[in-house]
Amino acid sequence: MEIGTVPERLARNHYDLDEEESHIEVDQEVARRTGAAKILIAVCPAHVYSQAPDGTIAVEAAACLECGTCLAVAPPGSLRWHYPRGGFGVAFREG
């Protein structure tokens, strides 16, 4: 069995997006004051976070691996994160 590269393996995952309730919310004001954008963009292995030209942080929740890295390093108060509701979230197709 061929293992493949990490990006190839991650591409096999599936995510059931909860259209009604995102599991990630950024407090834009706190994020702006604390410089959270640089931190979140740098550490997220799934590249969920990006920064818009106006300085706000955009979140692509459908790419989230639910690893919690962002929660561990985000400046206090800049991020509200919880696991998705039952039936939603990432479905790992590899081990």
Protein backbone atom coordinates (compact mmCIF):
# COMPACT_ATOMS: atom_id res chain seq x y z
CA MET A 1 0.00 0.00 0.00
CA GLU A 2 1.37 3.40 -0.99
CA ILE A 3 1.38 5.91 1.85
CA GLY A 4 1.59 9.16 -0.15
CA THR A 5 2.54 12.64 0.98
CA VAL A 6 0.85 14.39 3.88
CA PRO A 7 -1.11 16.76 1.58
CA GLU A 8 -2.29 13.78 -0.49
CA ARG A 9 -3.43 11.95 2.63
CA LEU A 10 -5.18 15.02 4.06
CA ALA A 11 -7.03 15.49 0.75
CA ARG A 12 -8.78 12.17 1.40
CA ASN A 13 -10.54 13.53 4.50
CA HIS A 14 -14.17 14.57 4.29
CA TYR A 15 -15.84 17.37 6.25
CA ASP A 16 -19.56 17.66 6.95
CA LEU A 17 -20.04 21.40 7.37
CA ASP A 18 -22.58 22.67 9.89
CA GLU A 19 -24.17 25.58 8.02
CA GLU A 20 -26.04 26.76 11.12
CA GLU A 21 -23.27 26.81 13.72
CA SER A 22 -19.57 27.28 13.06
CA HIS A 23 -17.25 25.65 15.57
CA ILE A 24 -14.69 28.45 15.16
CA GLU A 25 -15.34 32.13 15.85
CA VAL A 26 -12.72 34.88 15.89
CA ASP A 27 -13.22 37.97 18.04
CA GLN A 28 -11.90 40.39 15.44
CA GLU A 29 -11.28 43.24 17.89
CA VAL A 30 -9.24 41.11 20.30
CA ALA A 31 -7.44 39.48 17.38
CA ARG A 32 -6.52 42.86 15.96
CA ARG A 33 -5.15 44.10 19.31
CA THR A 34 -3.14 40.94 20.00
CA GLY A 35 -1.79 40.15 16.54
CA ALA A 36 -3.60 36.81 16.49
CA ALA A 37 -3.71 36.65 12.68
CA LYS A 38 0.02 36.02 12.32
CA ILE A 39 -0.06 33.34 14.99
CA LEU A 40 -3.13 31.49 13.67
CA ILE A 41 -1.96 31.62 10.06
CA ALA A 42 1.49 30.34 11.03
CA VAL A 43 0.43 27.37 13.17
CA CYS A 44 -2.68 25.93 11.54
CA PRO A 45 -1.68 22.75 9.66
CA ALA A 46 -4.86 22.88 7.55
CA HIS A 47 -4.48 26.56 6.56
CA VAL A 48 -7.92 27.39 7.93
CA TYR A 49 -7.04 31.02 8.70
CA SER A 50 -6.21 33.86 6.32
CA GLN A 51 -6.06 37.61 6.65
CA ALA A 52 -8.19 39.91 4.52
CA PRO A 53 -6.79 43.21 3.21
CA ASP A 54 -8.77 45.07 5.89
CA GLY A 55 -6.96 43.09 8.61
CA THR A 56 -9.82 40.81 9.62
CA ILE A 57 -9.22 37.09 10.00
CA ALA A 58 -11.17 34.83 7.66
CA VAL A 59 -11.96 31.26 8.73
CA GLU A 60 -12.54 28.32 6.37
CA ALA A 61 -14.07 25.91 8.89
CA ALA A 62 -14.64 23.21 6.26
CA ALA A 63 -10.87 22.65 6.13
CA CYS A 64 -10.45 22.24 9.90
CA LEU A 65 -8.80 19.05 11.16
CA GLU A 66 -10.08 19.70 14.71
CA CYS A 67 -6.55 19.30 16.08
CA GLY A 68 -6.88 22.21 18.53
CA THR A 69 -3.52 23.78 17.67
CA CYS A 70 -5.11 27.19 17.14
CA LEU A 71 -6.88 26.97 20.48
CA ALA A 72 -3.61 26.20 22.25
CA VAL A 73 -1.72 29.18 20.83
CA ALA A 74 -4.35 31.87 20.21
CA PRO A 75 -4.06 34.96 22.41
CA PRO A 76 -6.66 34.84 25.22
CA GLY A 77 -10.11 35.95 24.09
CA SER A 78 -9.28 36.06 20.39
CA LEU A 79 -10.78 32.68 19.50
CA ARG A 80 -13.85 30.68 20.49
CA TRP A 81 -13.45 27.06 19.42
CA HIS A 82 -15.41 23.90 20.23
CA TYR A 83 -15.89 20.56 18.56
CA PRO A 84 -18.64 20.56 15.93
CA ARG A 85 -22.09 19.31 16.87
CA GLY A 86 -22.77 15.59 16.50
CA GLY A 87 -22.83 14.41 12.90
CA PHE A 88 -20.67 17.30 11.69
CA GLY A 89 -16.95 17.82 11.37
CA VAL A 90 -14.00 16.02 9.87
CA ALA A 91 -14.12 12.35 8.91
CA PHE A 92 -10.61 10.98 8.68
CA ARG A 93 -10.34 8.39 5.94
CA GLU A 94 -6.79 7.39 6.78
CA GLY A 95 -6.04 5.75 10.13
